[in-house]
Protein backbone atom coordinates (compact mmCIF):
# COMPACT_ATOMS: atom_id res chain seq x y z
CA UNK A 1 26.17 4.00 24.26
CA UNK A 2 22.76 3.11 22.80
CA UNK A 3 21.04 5.48 25.20
CA UNK A 4 23.38 8.30 24.23
CA UNK A 5 22.76 7.70 20.53
CA UNK A 6 18.97 7.56 21.08
CA UNK A 7 19.08 10.78 23.10
CA UNK A 8 21.05 12.56 20.36
CA UNK A 9 18.59 11.41 17.70
CA UNK A 10 15.66 12.71 19.76
CA UNK A 11 17.36 16.07 20.30
CA UNK A 12 18.09 16.47 16.59
CA UNK A 13 14.53 15.63 15.57
CA UNK A 14 13.02 17.79 18.31
CA UNK A 15 15.06 20.81 17.18
CA UNK A 16 14.57 20.31 13.45
CA UNK A 17 12.19 22.85 11.96
CA UNK A 18 9.48 21.76 9.60
CA UNK A 19 10.25 21.86 5.92
CA UNK A 20 8.14 24.01 3.64
CA UNK A 21 6.78 21.43 1.22
CA UNK A 22 4.65 22.73 -1.62
CA UNK A 23 1.42 20.95 -2.42
CA UNK A 24 2.59 19.74 -5.86
CA UNK A 25 5.81 19.67 -7.90
CA UNK A 26 6.35 18.27 -11.40
CA UNK A 27 9.43 18.05 -13.57
CA UNK A 28 12.27 15.80 -14.69
CA UNK A 29 14.56 13.48 -12.76
CA UNK A 30 17.75 13.12 -14.79
CA UNK A 31 19.13 9.79 -13.59
CA UNK A 32 22.24 7.78 -14.22
CA UNK A 33 23.65 4.42 -13.21
CA UNK A 34 21.29 1.44 -13.29
CA UNK A 35 18.06 3.42 -13.53
CA UNK A 36 15.85 3.92 -16.58
CA UNK A 37 17.44 7.30 -17.36
CA UNK A 38 15.35 10.46 -17.45
CA UNK A 39 12.03 10.21 -15.62
CA UNK A 40 8.95 12.40 -15.37
CA UNK A 41 8.75 13.20 -11.66
CA UNK A 42 5.73 14.25 -9.56
CA UNK A 43 5.63 15.07 -5.83
CA UNK A 44 2.46 15.33 -3.72
CA UNK A 45 2.53 16.76 -0.19
CA UNK A 46 0.85 14.70 2.52
CA UNK A 47 1.82 16.89 5.52
CA UNK A 48 4.40 19.50 6.54
CA UNK A 49 7.07 16.79 6.71
CA UNK A 50 5.88 14.02 4.38
CA UNK A 51 5.19 13.59 0.67
CA UNK A 52 4.85 10.99 -2.05
CA UNK A 53 7.08 11.01 -5.13
CA UNK A 54 6.25 9.17 -8.34
CA UNK A 55 8.79 8.82 -11.16
CA UNK A 56 7.98 7.32 -14.57
CA UNK A 57 10.87 6.55 -16.89
CA UNK A 58 11.26 4.85 -20.24
CA UNK A 59 14.36 3.62 -22.03
CA UNK A 60 14.41 2.58 -25.66
CA UNK A 61 17.14 1.59 -28.07
CA UNK A 62 17.36 -0.55 -31.19
CA UNK A 63 17.62 -3.74 -29.11
CA UNK A 64 16.20 -2.95 -25.66
CA UNK A 65 13.02 -1.36 -24.28
CA UNK A 66 12.01 -0.78 -20.68
CA UNK A 67 9.84 1.35 -18.48
CA UNK A 68 9.63 1.74 -14.72
CA UNK A 69 7.34 3.49 -12.24
CA UNK A 70 8.81 4.29 -8.81
CA UNK A 71 6.72 5.30 -5.80
CA UNK A 72 8.58 6.69 -2.79
CA UNK A 73 7.22 7.87 0.58
CA UNK A 74 9.54 10.66 1.76
CA UNK A 75 10.27 12.41 5.06
CA UNK A 76 11.52 15.98 4.56
CA UNK A 77 13.55 18.06 7.04
CA UNK A 78 14.51 21.71 6.78
CA UNK A 79 18.20 22.67 6.86
CA UNK A 80 17.79 26.37 6.15
CA UNK A 81 15.27 28.59 4.41
CA UNK A 82 14.37 26.80 1.14
CA UNK A 83 17.06 24.14 1.64
CA UNK A 84 15.88 20.65 2.75
CA UNK A 85 17.14 17.11 3.01
CA UNK A 86 14.93 14.06 2.64
CA UNK A 87 14.89 10.29 2.94
CA UNK A 88 12.32 7.77 1.87
CA UNK A 89 11.33 4.22 1.05
CA UNK A 90 9.16 2.62 -1.59
CA UNK A 91 9.42 0.49 -4.68
CA UNK A 92 9.53 0.26 -8.45
CA UNK A 93 7.55 -1.81 -10.92
CA UNK A 94 8.26 -2.03 -14.62
CA UNK A 95 8.79 -4.07 -17.73
CA UNK A 96 11.76 -4.84 -20.00
CA UNK A 97 12.41 -6.64 -23.25
CA UNK A 98 15.45 -7.61 -25.34
CA UNK A 99 15.34 -7.93 -29.12
CA UNK A 100 16.26 -11.42 -30.37
CA UNK A 101 18.82 -9.90 -32.81
CA UNK A 102 20.84 -8.73 -29.80
CA UNK A 103 20.26 -11.47 -27.27
CA UNK A 104 19.58 -14.48 -29.62
CA UNK A 105 16.08 -14.89 -28.13
CA UNK A 106 13.24 -12.54 -27.39
CA UNK A 107 13.43 -12.02 -23.67
CA UNK A 108 11.45 -9.82 -21.34
CA UNK A 109 9.21 -9.61 -18.33
CA UNK A 110 7.95 -7.61 -15.42
CA UNK A 111 10.20 -6.55 -12.56
CA UNK A 112 9.57 -5.44 -9.00
CA UNK A 113 12.03 -3.94 -6.50
CA UNK A 114 12.14 -2.14 -3.17
CA UNK A 115 13.88 1.22 -3.18
CA UNK A 116 15.28 3.80 -0.80
CA UNK A 117 15.93 7.46 -1.44
CA UNK A 118 18.11 10.10 0.19
CA UNK A 119 18.86 13.57 -1.10
CA UNK A 120 19.01 17.33 -0.76
CA UNK A 121 16.90 20.02 -2.43
CA UNK A 122 16.63 23.76 -2.77
CA UNK A 123 13.40 25.60 -3.57
CA UNK A 124 13.90 28.93 -5.30
CA UNK A 125 11.39 31.72 -4.51
CA UNK A 126 10.23 31.63 -8.18
CA UNK A 127 8.75 28.12 -7.71
CA UNK A 128 11.62 26.03 -9.10
CA UNK A 129 13.00 23.14 -7.06
CA UNK A 130 16.41 21.60 -7.76
CA UNK A 131 17.41 18.37 -6.01
CA UNK A 132 20.16 15.76 -5.99
CA UNK A 133 19.48 12.25 -4.67
CA UNK A 134 20.62 8.65 -4.58
CA UNK A 135 18.17 5.76 -4.97
CA UNK A 136 19.42 2.24 -4.21
CA UNK A 137 17.16 -0.65 -5.23
CA UNK A 138 17.01 -4.30 -4.27
CA UNK A 139 15.36 -6.55 -6.84
CA UNK A 140 12.56 -8.86 -5.76
CA UNK A 141 11.28 -10.21 -9.08
CA UNK A 142 13.13 -10.31 -12.46
CA UNK A 143 15.38 -7.39 -11.56
CA UNK A 144 18.60 -8.89 -12.93
CA UNK A 145 21.20 -7.87 -10.39
CA UNK A 146 20.11 -8.10 -6.78
CA UNK A 147 21.28 -4.52 -6.07
CA UNK A 148 21.17 -1.45 -8.30
CA UNK A 149 21.96 2.18 -7.64
CA UNK A 150 20.75 5.36 -9.32
CA UNK A 151 21.93 8.95 -8.79
CA UNK A 152 19.90 11.86 -10.20
CA UNK A 153 19.60 15.61 -10.54
CA UNK A 154 15.99 16.78 -10.63
CA UNK A 155 14.37 20.03 -11.68
CA UNK A 156 10.69 20.56 -10.82
CA UNK A 157 8.10 23.33 -10.98
CA UNK A 158 6.22 23.77 -7.69
CA UNK A 159 2.56 24.71 -7.53
């Protein structure tokens, strides 16, 4: 059974065409769930199938402030012309603080987590990329919950 699964994986990867990754893309990642909300997102191509994605987000309210910077190494595979799927791994570092009026004491610190990423994207011929992804995170340092999940719709300009 293992050999059959391994053979199928090799066939799929051997027959997958390379994705057309642009050199740069910048825009917004509109997240939900346990993330920091809307993030400024930047992608940098490393090869025909690999890229780095950096997302910087900030959250502020009357009693809570946080920021987080995620760095994800992604593998990108072509589904059809302009339509790709991707998966990646990386991490997030950031800072958070509670106001003492809300939480009875000033509380804050730095957090660190490992993160995964899986999603789909479409690149329009006019240079606009739209994507939908899920990013689970496992906290290593001061992350609160051990596991957090974030789902996002992103819109980026490619250049």
